[in-house]
Amino acid sequence: MSATRLLVLGVVRGYGRAHGYLVGNDLIAWGADEWANVKWGSIYHALKSLTTAGLLIDYNDVPGRTEYELTEAGHDEYLKLLRDAVRRPQPRPDFLGAALAMLPSLTREEAIRLLRERRTTLEQAREKAQAQVDAMVEPPHVRELFGLSEHNAAGGVAWTQGLIERLEAGAYPMAGEPHSPGKPGSWPALQFPPYPPRA
């Protein structure tokens, strides 16, 4: 799975129709160049490859500017990527970061259900790593490797549980709720200030 692919589809979906500079400007403003290694070149490459794959349709109504819109297949692919990124822990943090940026595309109930799946997987990883720590005899320093895995999984469990609780308490407007940015084409009124602040 590509975090860039998920993010590009998500931003185009959010605006309903968007040109490459708008997509890139939002992603860079969110700091995605740092936490997801998204670069301008990868954004334009994703737009072209997604169009070739039939997930986006391009429009050249304005000379010198191509705008993109999700196809039905693109919408389905976007939701598949988003759901997978929420439910399945990955070694790299960019997938989860992309999922969090697009989380309001899901209903509150679905997001909570997917996060519970994620929590269960992380709990299993934590228990497996603990068993490896306990079983490791030689060489003894390799215990630190499994200890790190246990620590990371435990932190993931705690953070995931916290997000579940925040969503259960009504945090963040989710899909189908008032003021949610999760509805396709609902973004033009939103403004995303640069984060993290740029020097």
N, C-alpha and C. Protein backbone atom coordinates (compact mmCIF):
# COMPACT_ATOMS: atom_id res chain seq x y z
N MET A 1 0.85 -1.18 0.00
CA MET A 1 0.00 0.00 0.00
C MET A 1 0.89 1.24 0.00
N SER A 2 0.45 2.26 -0.67
CA SER A 2 1.19 3.52 -0.72
C SER A 2 0.45 4.60 0.05
N ALA A 3 1.15 5.21 1.00
CA ALA A 3 0.54 6.31 1.74
C ALA A 3 0.24 7.48 0.81
N THR A 4 1.13 7.71 -0.16
CA THR A 4 0.91 8.80 -1.12
C THR A 4 -0.36 8.56 -1.92
N ARG A 5 -0.56 7.33 -2.34
CA ARG A 5 -1.76 6.97 -3.10
C ARG A 5 -3.02 7.27 -2.30
N LEU A 6 -3.03 6.86 -1.03
CA LEU A 6 -4.18 7.11 -0.16
C LEU A 6 -4.40 8.60 0.02
N LEU A 7 -3.33 9.34 0.29
CA LEU A 7 -3.46 10.77 0.52
C LEU A 7 -3.94 11.51 -0.71
N VAL A 8 -3.39 11.18 -1.87
CA VAL A 8 -3.79 11.87 -3.11
C VAL A 8 -5.26 11.59 -3.41
N LEU A 9 -5.66 10.33 -3.31
CA LEU A 9 -7.08 10.01 -3.54
C LEU A 9 -7.96 10.74 -2.53
N GLY A 10 -7.51 10.79 -1.28
CA GLY A 10 -8.30 11.43 -0.24
C GLY A 10 -8.48 12.92 -0.44
N VAL A 11 -7.41 13.60 -0.85
CA VAL A 11 -7.51 15.04 -1.06
C VAL A 11 -8.39 15.34 -2.27
N VAL A 12 -8.20 14.60 -3.36
CA VAL A 12 -9.05 14.82 -4.54
C VAL A 12 -10.51 14.56 -4.17
N ARG A 13 -10.75 13.49 -3.42
CA ARG A 13 -12.11 13.18 -2.99
C ARG A 13 -12.68 14.32 -2.13
N GLY A 14 -11.85 14.83 -1.23
CA GLY A 14 -12.31 15.89 -0.34
C GLY A 14 -12.77 17.13 -1.08
N TYR A 15 -12.02 17.51 -2.12
CA TYR A 15 -12.40 18.69 -2.89
C TYR A 15 -13.43 18.38 -3.96
N GLY A 16 -13.58 17.12 -4.31
CA GLY A 16 -14.50 16.75 -5.37
C GLY A 16 -13.80 16.80 -6.72
N ARG A 17 -13.03 17.85 -6.93
CA ARG A 17 -12.25 18.02 -8.14
C ARG A 17 -11.09 18.94 -7.79
N ALA A 18 -9.87 18.51 -8.09
CA ALA A 18 -8.70 19.28 -7.65
C ALA A 18 -7.57 19.15 -8.66
N HIS A 19 -6.77 20.21 -8.75
CA HIS A 19 -5.58 20.16 -9.59
C HIS A 19 -4.37 19.79 -8.74
N GLY A 20 -3.30 19.41 -9.40
CA GLY A 20 -2.13 18.88 -8.70
C GLY A 20 -1.55 19.82 -7.68
N TYR A 21 -1.51 21.12 -8.00
CA TYR A 21 -0.92 22.07 -7.05
C TYR A 21 -1.75 22.15 -5.77
N LEU A 22 -3.05 22.11 -5.89
CA LEU A 22 -3.92 22.14 -4.71
C LEU A 22 -3.69 20.91 -3.84
N VAL A 23 -3.61 19.74 -4.48
CA VAL A 23 -3.35 18.49 -3.74
C VAL A 23 -2.02 18.59 -3.01
N GLY A 24 -0.98 18.98 -3.75
CA GLY A 24 0.34 19.07 -3.16
C GLY A 24 0.43 20.11 -2.08
N ASN A 25 -0.20 21.26 -2.29
CA ASN A 25 -0.15 22.33 -1.30
C ASN A 25 -0.75 21.88 0.02
N ASP A 26 -1.89 21.20 -0.02
CA ASP A 26 -2.49 20.69 1.22
C ASP A 26 -1.56 19.70 1.91
N LEU A 27 -1.04 18.75 1.14
CA LEU A 27 -0.21 17.71 1.76
C LEU A 27 1.07 18.28 2.36
N ILE A 28 1.69 19.23 1.68
CA ILE A 28 2.90 19.85 2.22
C ILE A 28 2.54 20.69 3.45
N ALA A 29 1.39 21.39 3.40
CA ALA A 29 0.96 22.19 4.56
C ALA A 29 0.73 21.32 5.78
N TRP A 30 0.30 20.07 5.57
CA TRP A 30 0.08 19.15 6.69
C TRP A 30 1.38 18.53 7.19
N GLY A 31 2.48 18.82 6.51
CA GLY A 31 3.75 18.21 6.90
C GLY A 31 3.95 16.81 6.36
N ALA A 32 3.15 16.41 5.36
CA ALA A 32 3.24 15.05 4.82
C ALA A 32 4.58 14.78 4.15
N ASP A 33 5.29 15.84 3.78
CA ASP A 33 6.63 15.64 3.23
C ASP A 33 7.57 15.11 4.30
N GLU A 34 7.25 15.34 5.57
CA GLU A 34 8.07 14.86 6.68
C GLU A 34 7.59 13.50 7.20
N TRP A 35 6.30 13.39 7.50
CA TRP A 35 5.83 12.15 8.13
C TRP A 35 5.43 11.07 7.14
N ALA A 36 5.28 11.40 5.86
CA ALA A 36 4.94 10.37 4.86
C ALA A 36 5.90 10.40 3.66
N ASN A 37 6.94 11.23 3.74
CA ASN A 37 7.92 11.34 2.66
C ASN A 37 7.26 11.67 1.32
N VAL A 38 6.19 12.45 1.36
CA VAL A 38 5.49 12.87 0.15
C VAL A 38 6.24 14.05 -0.45
N LYS A 39 6.58 13.92 -1.72
CA LYS A 39 7.27 14.99 -2.43
C LYS A 39 6.42 15.42 -3.62
N TRP A 40 6.72 16.61 -4.15
CA TRP A 40 5.94 17.11 -5.29
C TRP A 40 5.96 16.13 -6.44
N GLY A 41 7.12 15.57 -6.72
CA GLY A 41 7.22 14.62 -7.83
C GLY A 41 6.37 13.39 -7.62
N SER A 42 6.32 12.89 -6.36
CA SER A 42 5.52 11.69 -6.09
C SER A 42 4.04 11.98 -6.17
N ILE A 43 3.65 13.22 -5.87
CA ILE A 43 2.23 13.60 -5.97
C ILE A 43 1.79 13.59 -7.44
N TYR A 44 2.59 14.21 -8.31
CA TYR A 44 2.23 14.25 -9.73
C TYR A 44 2.32 12.86 -10.35
N HIS A 45 3.29 12.08 -9.91
CA HIS A 45 3.38 10.70 -10.41
C HIS A 45 2.14 9.91 -10.00
N ALA A 46 1.70 10.08 -8.74
CA ALA A 46 0.51 9.38 -8.26
C ALA A 46 -0.73 9.80 -9.05
N LEU A 47 -0.87 11.10 -9.32
CA LEU A 47 -2.03 11.57 -10.08
C LEU A 47 -2.06 10.92 -11.47
N LYS A 48 -0.91 10.84 -12.12
CA LYS A 48 -0.87 10.25 -13.47
C LYS A 48 -1.13 8.75 -13.43
N SER A 49 -0.50 8.05 -12.47
CA SER A 49 -0.69 6.59 -12.41
C SER A 49 -2.10 6.22 -11.98
N LEU A 50 -2.70 7.01 -11.09
CA LEU A 50 -4.08 6.75 -10.68
C LEU A 50 -5.05 7.00 -11.82
N THR A 51 -4.73 7.97 -12.66
CA THR A 51 -5.56 8.24 -13.84
C THR A 51 -5.43 7.10 -14.84
N THR A 52 -4.21 6.66 -15.08
CA THR A 52 -3.98 5.54 -15.99
C THR A 52 -4.70 4.28 -15.51
N ALA A 53 -4.74 4.09 -14.19
CA ALA A 53 -5.39 2.92 -13.61
C ALA A 53 -6.91 3.03 -13.59
N GLY A 54 -7.46 4.17 -14.00
CA GLY A 54 -8.90 4.34 -14.03
C GLY A 54 -9.51 4.73 -12.70
N LEU A 55 -8.66 5.17 -11.74
CA LEU A 55 -9.15 5.57 -10.43
C LEU A 55 -9.44 7.07 -10.35
N LEU A 56 -8.83 7.82 -11.25
CA LEU A 56 -9.09 9.24 -11.40
C LEU A 56 -9.43 9.52 -12.85
N ILE A 57 -10.19 10.58 -13.07
CA ILE A 57 -10.43 11.06 -14.43
C ILE A 57 -9.86 12.48 -14.48
N ASP A 58 -9.20 12.81 -15.58
CA ASP A 58 -8.61 14.13 -15.67
C ASP A 58 -9.41 15.03 -16.61
N TYR A 59 -9.39 16.32 -16.29
CA TYR A 59 -10.07 17.34 -17.07
C TYR A 59 -9.07 18.43 -17.41
N ASN A 60 -9.12 18.91 -18.62
CA ASN A 60 -8.22 19.98 -19.06
C ASN A 60 -9.04 21.18 -19.52
N ASP A 61 -10.02 21.56 -18.71
CA ASP A 61 -10.91 22.67 -19.06
C ASP A 61 -10.18 24.02 -19.06
N VAL A 62 -9.19 24.15 -18.17
CA VAL A 62 -8.42 25.39 -18.06
C VAL A 62 -7.06 25.14 -18.70
N PRO A 63 -6.69 25.92 -19.69
CA PRO A 63 -5.40 25.70 -20.36
C PRO A 63 -4.24 25.70 -19.35
N GLY A 64 -3.40 24.68 -19.45
CA GLY A 64 -2.23 24.59 -18.58
C GLY A 64 -2.51 24.03 -17.21
N ARG A 65 -3.75 23.63 -16.93
CA ARG A 65 -4.05 23.09 -15.60
C ARG A 65 -4.97 21.88 -15.74
N THR A 66 -4.50 20.77 -15.23
CA THR A 66 -5.29 19.55 -15.26
C THR A 66 -5.94 19.36 -13.89
N GLU A 67 -7.24 19.12 -13.90
CA GLU A 67 -7.96 18.83 -12.66
C GLU A 67 -8.35 17.36 -12.66
N TYR A 68 -8.49 16.82 -11.46
CA TYR A 68 -8.76 15.39 -11.29
C TYR A 68 -10.01 15.18 -10.44
N GLU A 69 -10.68 14.07 -10.71
CA GLU A 69 -11.88 13.69 -9.97
C GLU A 69 -11.86 12.17 -9.81
N LEU A 70 -12.33 11.67 -8.67
CA LEU A 70 -12.38 10.22 -8.46
C LEU A 70 -13.44 9.58 -9.33
N THR A 71 -13.10 8.42 -9.87
CA THR A 71 -14.11 7.58 -10.51
C THR A 71 -14.75 6.73 -9.41
N GLU A 72 -15.75 5.97 -9.78
CA GLU A 72 -16.37 5.07 -8.79
C GLU A 72 -15.33 4.07 -8.29
N ALA A 73 -14.52 3.55 -9.21
CA ALA A 73 -13.46 2.62 -8.81
C ALA A 73 -12.45 3.31 -7.90
N GLY A 74 -12.17 4.58 -8.16
CA GLY A 74 -11.25 5.34 -7.31
C GLY A 74 -11.80 5.54 -5.91
N HIS A 75 -13.10 5.78 -5.82
CA HIS A 75 -13.73 5.93 -4.51
C HIS A 75 -13.65 4.62 -3.73
N ASP A 76 -13.91 3.51 -4.41
CA ASP A 76 -13.83 2.20 -3.75
C ASP A 76 -12.41 1.90 -3.29
N GLU A 77 -11.43 2.21 -4.15
CA GLU A 77 -10.02 1.98 -3.81
C GLU A 77 -9.60 2.84 -2.62
N TYR A 78 -10.04 4.09 -2.62
CA TYR A 78 -9.73 5.00 -1.52
C TYR A 78 -10.22 4.43 -0.18
N LEU A 79 -11.48 4.01 -0.14
CA LEU A 79 -12.02 3.49 1.10
C LEU A 79 -11.34 2.18 1.51
N LYS A 80 -10.97 1.35 0.54
CA LYS A 80 -10.25 0.12 0.84
C LYS A 80 -8.90 0.44 1.48
N LEU A 81 -8.14 1.36 0.86
CA LEU A 81 -6.84 1.75 1.40
C LEU A 81 -6.97 2.35 2.80
N LEU A 82 -7.97 3.21 2.97
CA LEU A 82 -8.18 3.86 4.27
C LEU A 82 -8.51 2.83 5.34
N ARG A 83 -9.43 1.93 5.05
CA ARG A 83 -9.82 0.92 6.04
C ARG A 83 -8.63 0.03 6.41
N ASP A 84 -7.85 -0.37 5.40
CA ASP A 84 -6.69 -1.21 5.67
C ASP A 84 -5.66 -0.48 6.52
N ALA A 85 -5.45 0.80 6.25
CA ALA A 85 -4.46 1.58 7.00
C ALA A 85 -4.88 1.77 8.45
N VAL A 86 -6.18 1.87 8.71
CA VAL A 86 -6.66 2.02 10.08
C VAL A 86 -6.57 0.70 10.83
N ARG A 87 -6.96 -0.39 10.21
CA ARG A 87 -7.07 -1.66 10.93
C ARG A 87 -5.76 -2.44 11.05
N ARG A 88 -4.82 -2.22 10.10
CA ARG A 88 -3.61 -3.06 10.05
C ARG A 88 -2.37 -2.26 10.43
N PRO A 89 -1.78 -2.54 11.57
CA PRO A 89 -0.52 -1.86 11.91
C PRO A 89 0.56 -2.21 10.89
N GLN A 90 1.33 -1.21 10.53
CA GLN A 90 2.43 -1.38 9.57
C GLN A 90 3.73 -0.95 10.23
N PRO A 91 4.86 -1.49 9.76
CA PRO A 91 6.14 -1.07 10.33
C PRO A 91 6.42 0.42 10.14
N ARG A 92 5.97 0.99 9.00
CA ARG A 92 6.20 2.39 8.74
C ARG A 92 5.01 3.22 9.24
N PRO A 93 5.29 4.39 9.84
CA PRO A 93 4.20 5.20 10.40
C PRO A 93 3.41 6.00 9.37
N ASP A 94 3.90 6.07 8.11
CA ASP A 94 3.22 6.93 7.14
C ASP A 94 1.83 6.44 6.78
N PHE A 95 1.60 5.13 6.83
CA PHE A 95 0.28 4.61 6.51
C PHE A 95 -0.75 5.05 7.55
N LEU A 96 -0.38 4.96 8.81
CA LEU A 96 -1.29 5.41 9.86
C LEU A 96 -1.48 6.92 9.79
N GLY A 97 -0.41 7.66 9.52
CA GLY A 97 -0.54 9.10 9.38
C GLY A 97 -1.52 9.48 8.28
N ALA A 98 -1.42 8.79 7.14
CA ALA A 98 -2.34 9.04 6.03
C ALA A 98 -3.77 8.71 6.45
N ALA A 99 -3.94 7.60 7.17
CA ALA A 99 -5.28 7.21 7.62
C ALA A 99 -5.86 8.24 8.58
N LEU A 100 -5.04 8.76 9.48
CA LEU A 100 -5.53 9.75 10.43
C LEU A 100 -5.93 11.04 9.72
N ALA A 101 -5.17 11.42 8.69
CA ALA A 101 -5.51 12.63 7.94
C ALA A 101 -6.86 12.50 7.25
N MET A 102 -7.25 11.28 6.91
CA MET A 102 -8.49 11.04 6.18
C MET A 102 -9.58 10.36 7.04
N LEU A 103 -9.33 10.21 8.33
CA LEU A 103 -10.23 9.47 9.21
C LEU A 103 -11.70 9.91 9.14
N PRO A 104 -12.01 11.22 9.01
CA PRO A 104 -13.43 11.62 8.96
C PRO A 104 -14.19 11.10 7.75
N SER A 105 -13.50 10.45 6.80
CA SER A 105 -14.22 9.83 5.69
C SER A 105 -15.02 8.62 6.15
N LEU A 106 -14.69 8.11 7.33
CA LEU A 106 -15.39 6.96 7.90
C LEU A 106 -16.46 7.42 8.88
N THR A 107 -17.48 6.60 9.03
CA THR A 107 -18.44 6.90 10.09
C THR A 107 -17.77 6.63 11.43
N ARG A 108 -18.30 7.21 12.46
CA ARG A 108 -17.76 7.00 13.81
C ARG A 108 -17.75 5.52 14.17
N GLU A 109 -18.85 4.83 13.88
CA GLU A 109 -18.96 3.42 14.23
C GLU A 109 -17.92 2.57 13.50
N GLU A 110 -17.73 2.86 12.19
CA GLU A 110 -16.77 2.07 11.45
C GLU A 110 -15.35 2.35 11.91
N ALA A 111 -15.03 3.61 12.16
CA ALA A 111 -13.68 3.95 12.63
C ALA A 111 -13.38 3.23 13.95
N ILE A 112 -14.34 3.23 14.86
CA ILE A 112 -14.13 2.56 16.15
C ILE A 112 -13.94 1.06 15.95
N ARG A 113 -14.75 0.46 15.08
CA ARG A 113 -14.62 -0.98 14.83
C ARG A 113 -13.25 -1.32 14.25
N LEU A 114 -12.79 -0.53 13.28
CA LEU A 114 -11.48 -0.78 12.67
C LEU A 114 -10.36 -0.56 13.67
N LEU A 115 -10.48 0.44 14.52
CA LEU A 115 -9.47 0.69 15.54
C LEU A 115 -9.44 -0.43 16.58
N ARG A 116 -10.58 -1.02 16.87
CA ARG A 116 -10.58 -2.17 17.78
C ARG A 116 -9.84 -3.35 17.17
N GLU A 117 -10.00 -3.54 15.85
CA GLU A 117 -9.23 -4.59 15.16
C GLU A 117 -7.74 -4.30 15.27
N ARG A 118 -7.37 -3.04 15.07
CA ARG A 118 -5.96 -2.64 15.19
C ARG A 118 -5.44 -2.92 16.59
N ARG A 119 -6.22 -2.55 17.60
CA ARG A 119 -5.81 -2.77 18.98
C ARG A 119 -5.57 -4.25 19.26
N THR A 120 -6.46 -5.12 18.78
CA THR A 120 -6.30 -6.57 18.98
C THR A 120 -5.01 -7.07 18.35
N THR A 121 -4.72 -6.63 17.13
CA THR A 121 -3.49 -7.04 16.45
C THR A 121 -2.27 -6.58 17.23
N LEU A 122 -2.30 -5.36 17.75
CA LEU A 122 -1.19 -4.84 18.53
C LEU A 122 -1.04 -5.57 19.86
N GLU A 123 -2.15 -5.94 20.48
CA GLU A 123 -2.08 -6.72 21.72
C GLU A 123 -1.42 -8.06 21.47
N GLN A 124 -1.75 -8.69 20.36
CA GLN A 124 -1.13 -9.97 20.00
C GLN A 124 0.36 -9.81 19.76
N ALA A 125 0.74 -8.72 19.08
CA ALA A 125 2.16 -8.46 18.83
C ALA A 125 2.91 -8.21 20.14
N ARG A 126 2.28 -7.50 21.05
CA ARG A 126 2.90 -7.24 22.36
C ARG A 126 3.13 -8.54 23.12
N GLU A 127 2.12 -9.42 23.12
CA GLU A 127 2.25 -10.69 23.84
C GLU A 127 3.31 -11.58 23.20
N LYS A 128 3.37 -11.59 21.88
CA LYS A 128 4.38 -12.39 21.19
C LYS A 128 5.78 -11.90 21.51
N ALA A 129 5.96 -10.57 21.50
CA ALA A 129 7.27 -10.01 21.81
C ALA A 129 7.66 -10.30 23.26
N GLN A 130 6.70 -10.24 24.17
CA GLN A 130 6.99 -10.54 25.57
C GLN A 130 7.44 -11.99 25.73
N ALA A 131 6.78 -12.89 25.01
CA ALA A 131 7.17 -14.30 25.06
C ALA A 131 8.58 -14.48 24.50
N GLN A 132 8.93 -13.73 23.47
CA GLN A 132 10.27 -13.82 22.90
C GLN A 132 11.32 -13.29 23.86
N VAL A 133 10.99 -12.20 24.57
CA VAL A 133 11.91 -11.67 25.59
C VAL A 133 12.15 -12.72 26.65
N ASP A 134 11.07 -13.35 27.12
CA ASP A 134 11.17 -14.34 28.19
C ASP A 134 11.94 -15.58 27.76
N ALA A 135 11.83 -15.94 26.47
CA ALA A 135 12.45 -17.18 25.99
C ALA A 135 13.91 -16.98 25.56
N MET A 136 14.31 -15.76 25.25
CA MET A 136 15.65 -15.52 24.72
C MET A 136 16.73 -15.76 25.77
N VAL A 137 17.68 -16.63 25.42
CA VAL A 137 18.80 -16.93 26.31
C VAL A 137 20.12 -16.46 25.68
N GLU A 138 20.38 -16.93 24.48
CA GLU A 138 21.61 -16.58 23.79
C GLU A 138 21.32 -16.03 22.39
N PRO A 139 21.98 -15.02 21.97
CA PRO A 139 22.81 -14.10 22.76
C PRO A 139 21.90 -13.16 23.57
N PRO A 140 22.27 -12.85 24.78
CA PRO A 140 21.36 -12.11 25.67
C PRO A 140 20.99 -10.71 25.18
N HIS A 141 21.88 -10.06 24.42
CA HIS A 141 21.58 -8.69 23.99
C HIS A 141 20.43 -8.64 22.99
N VAL A 142 20.11 -9.78 22.34
CA VAL A 142 19.02 -9.79 21.37
C VAL A 142 17.66 -9.61 22.06
N ARG A 143 17.65 -9.83 23.37
CA ARG A 143 16.42 -9.54 24.12
C ARG A 143 15.97 -8.10 23.91
N GLU A 144 16.94 -7.19 23.73
CA GLU A 144 16.59 -5.78 23.53
C GLU A 144 15.76 -5.58 22.27
N LEU A 145 16.03 -6.36 21.24
CA LEU A 145 15.25 -6.27 20.00
C LEU A 145 13.79 -6.59 20.27
N PHE A 146 13.56 -7.70 20.98
CA PHE A 146 12.18 -8.08 21.29
C PHE A 146 11.56 -7.14 22.32
N GLY A 147 12.41 -6.62 23.21
CA GLY A 147 11.91 -5.63 24.17
C GLY A 147 11.43 -4.38 23.48
N LEU A 148 12.16 -3.96 22.45
CA LEU A 148 11.74 -2.79 21.67
C LEU A 148 10.42 -3.08 20.97
N SER A 149 10.28 -4.26 20.39
CA SER A 149 9.02 -4.63 19.73
C SER A 149 7.87 -4.62 20.74
N GLU A 150 8.12 -5.14 21.93
CA GLU A 150 7.08 -5.14 22.97
C GLU A 150 6.70 -3.72 23.35
N HIS A 151 7.70 -2.87 23.53
CA HIS A 151 7.46 -1.48 23.91
C HIS A 151 6.65 -0.75 22.84
N ASN A 152 7.04 -0.92 21.57
CA ASN A 152 6.32 -0.26 20.47
C ASN A 152 4.88 -0.74 20.38
N ALA A 153 4.68 -2.05 20.53
CA ALA A 153 3.32 -2.59 20.46
C ALA A 153 2.48 -2.09 21.63
N ALA A 154 3.09 -2.05 22.82
CA ALA A 154 2.36 -1.57 24.00
C ALA A 154 1.97 -0.10 23.84
N GLY A 155 2.87 0.70 23.30
CA GLY A 155 2.54 2.10 23.04
C GLY A 155 1.43 2.23 22.01
N GLY A 156 1.46 1.38 20.99
CA GLY A 156 0.41 1.38 19.98
C GLY A 156 -0.94 1.01 20.57
N VAL A 157 -0.95 0.04 21.48
CA VAL A 157 -2.19 -0.36 22.14
C VAL A 157 -2.76 0.82 22.94
N ALA A 158 -1.89 1.47 23.73
CA ALA A 158 -2.36 2.58 24.58
C ALA A 158 -2.89 3.74 23.73
N TRP A 159 -2.17 4.10 22.66
CA TRP A 159 -2.62 5.20 21.83
C TRP A 159 -3.93 4.84 21.12
N THR A 160 -4.02 3.62 20.59
CA THR A 160 -5.23 3.21 19.89
C THR A 160 -6.43 3.21 20.83
N GLN A 161 -6.24 2.71 22.03
CA GLN A 161 -7.32 2.71 23.02
C GLN A 161 -7.76 4.14 23.33
N GLY A 162 -6.79 5.05 23.44
CA GLY A 162 -7.13 6.45 23.69
C GLY A 162 -7.95 7.05 22.57
N LEU A 163 -7.59 6.76 21.32
CA LEU A 163 -8.36 7.29 20.19
C LEU A 163 -9.76 6.68 20.16
N ILE A 164 -9.87 5.41 20.45
CA ILE A 164 -11.19 4.77 20.51
C ILE A 164 -12.06 5.50 21.54
N GLU A 165 -11.49 5.75 22.70
CA GLU A 165 -12.25 6.42 23.77
C GLU A 165 -12.64 7.84 23.37
N ARG A 166 -11.74 8.55 22.69
CA ARG A 166 -12.07 9.90 22.25
C ARG A 166 -13.20 9.88 21.22
N LEU A 167 -13.14 8.94 20.30
CA LEU A 167 -14.22 8.83 19.31
C LEU A 167 -15.53 8.42 19.96
N GLU A 168 -15.46 7.51 20.91
CA GLU A 168 -16.69 7.10 21.62
C GLU A 168 -17.29 8.26 22.38
N ALA A 169 -16.44 9.20 22.83
CA ALA A 169 -16.93 10.37 23.57
C ALA A 169 -17.42 11.48 22.65
N GLY A 170 -17.32 11.26 21.33
CA GLY A 170 -17.85 12.24 20.38
C GLY A 170 -16.83 13.17 19.76
N ALA A 171 -15.53 12.91 19.96
CA ALA A 171 -14.50 13.78 19.39
C ALA A 171 -14.53 13.71 17.87
N TYR A 172 -14.27 14.83 17.24
CA TYR A 172 -14.10 14.96 15.80
C TYR A 172 -15.38 14.66 15.02
N PRO A 173 -15.77 15.56 14.15
CA PRO A 173 -16.95 15.28 13.30
C PRO A 173 -16.60 14.23 12.24
N MET A 174 -17.33 13.14 12.24
CA MET A 174 -17.06 12.02 11.34
C MET A 174 -18.09 12.00 10.21
N ALA A 175 -17.90 11.12 9.25
CA ALA A 175 -18.78 11.04 8.08
C ALA A 175 -20.24 10.94 8.50
N GLY A 176 -21.07 11.74 7.85
CA GLY A 176 -22.50 11.72 8.13
C GLY A 176 -22.91 12.62 9.28
N GLU A 177 -21.94 13.27 9.93
CA GLU A 177 -22.24 14.14 11.06
C GLU A 177 -22.08 15.61 10.63
N PRO A 178 -22.73 16.52 11.33
CA PRO A 178 -22.61 17.94 10.97
C PRO A 178 -21.15 18.41 11.00
N HIS A 179 -20.80 19.24 10.05
CA HIS A 179 -19.47 19.87 9.96
C HIS A 179 -18.34 18.88 9.69
N SER A 180 -18.66 17.69 9.23
CA SER A 180 -17.62 16.70 8.95
C SER A 180 -16.94 17.00 7.62
N PRO A 181 -15.60 16.96 7.59
CA PRO A 181 -14.90 17.09 6.32
C PRO A 181 -14.82 15.76 5.56
N GLY A 182 -15.59 14.78 6.00
CA GLY A 182 -15.53 13.46 5.39
C GLY A 182 -16.42 13.27 4.18
N LYS A 183 -17.25 14.24 3.87
CA LYS A 183 -18.15 14.11 2.72
C LYS A 183 -17.40 14.50 1.44
N PRO A 184 -17.51 13.69 0.38
CA PRO A 184 -16.85 14.05 -0.87
C PRO A 184 -17.27 15.44 -1.35
N GLY A 185 -16.26 16.22 -1.75
CA GLY A 185 -16.53 17.56 -2.26
C GLY A 185 -16.82 18.60 -1.20
N SER A 186 -16.55 18.29 0.07
CA SER A 186 -16.90 19.21 1.16
C SER A 186 -15.76 20.12 1.58
N TRP A 187 -14.60 20.05 0.95
CA TRP A 187 -13.44 20.77 1.43
C TRP A 187 -13.29 22.22 1.00
N PRO A 188 -13.90 22.72 -0.06
CA PRO A 188 -13.56 24.08 -0.48
C PRO A 188 -13.69 25.13 0.60
N ALA A 189 -14.59 24.97 1.56
CA ALA A 189 -14.76 25.96 2.61
C ALA A 189 -13.71 25.83 3.71
N LEU A 190 -12.96 24.74 3.72
CA LEU A 190 -11.99 24.52 4.78
C LEU A 190 -10.67 25.19 4.45
N GLN A 191 -9.95 25.57 5.49
CA GLN A 191 -8.61 26.10 5.31
C GLN A 191 -7.69 25.32 6.22
N PHE A 192 -6.58 24.87 5.67
CA PHE A 192 -5.63 24.08 6.43
C PHE A 192 -4.35 24.88 6.62
N PRO A 193 -4.13 25.45 7.80
CA PRO A 193 -2.90 26.23 8.01
C PRO A 193 -1.70 25.29 7.99
N PRO A 194 -0.52 25.81 7.64
CA PRO A 194 0.67 24.95 7.60
C PRO A 194 0.94 24.30 8.95
N TYR A 195 1.16 23.03 8.95
CA TYR A 195 1.51 22.31 10.16
C TYR A 195 2.45 21.18 9.79
N PRO A 196 3.59 21.05 10.43
CA PRO A 196 4.05 21.98 11.48
C PRO A 196 4.44 23.33 10.88
N PRO A 197 4.40 24.39 11.71
CA PRO A 197 4.72 25.71 11.17
C PRO A 197 6.08 25.71 10.48
N ARG A 198 6.12 26.35 9.32
CA ARG A 198 7.36 26.40 8.54
C ARG A 198 8.14 27.67 8.90
N ALA A 199 9.44 27.53 8.98
CA ALA A 199 10.28 28.69 9.30
C ALA A 199 10.36 29.62 8.11
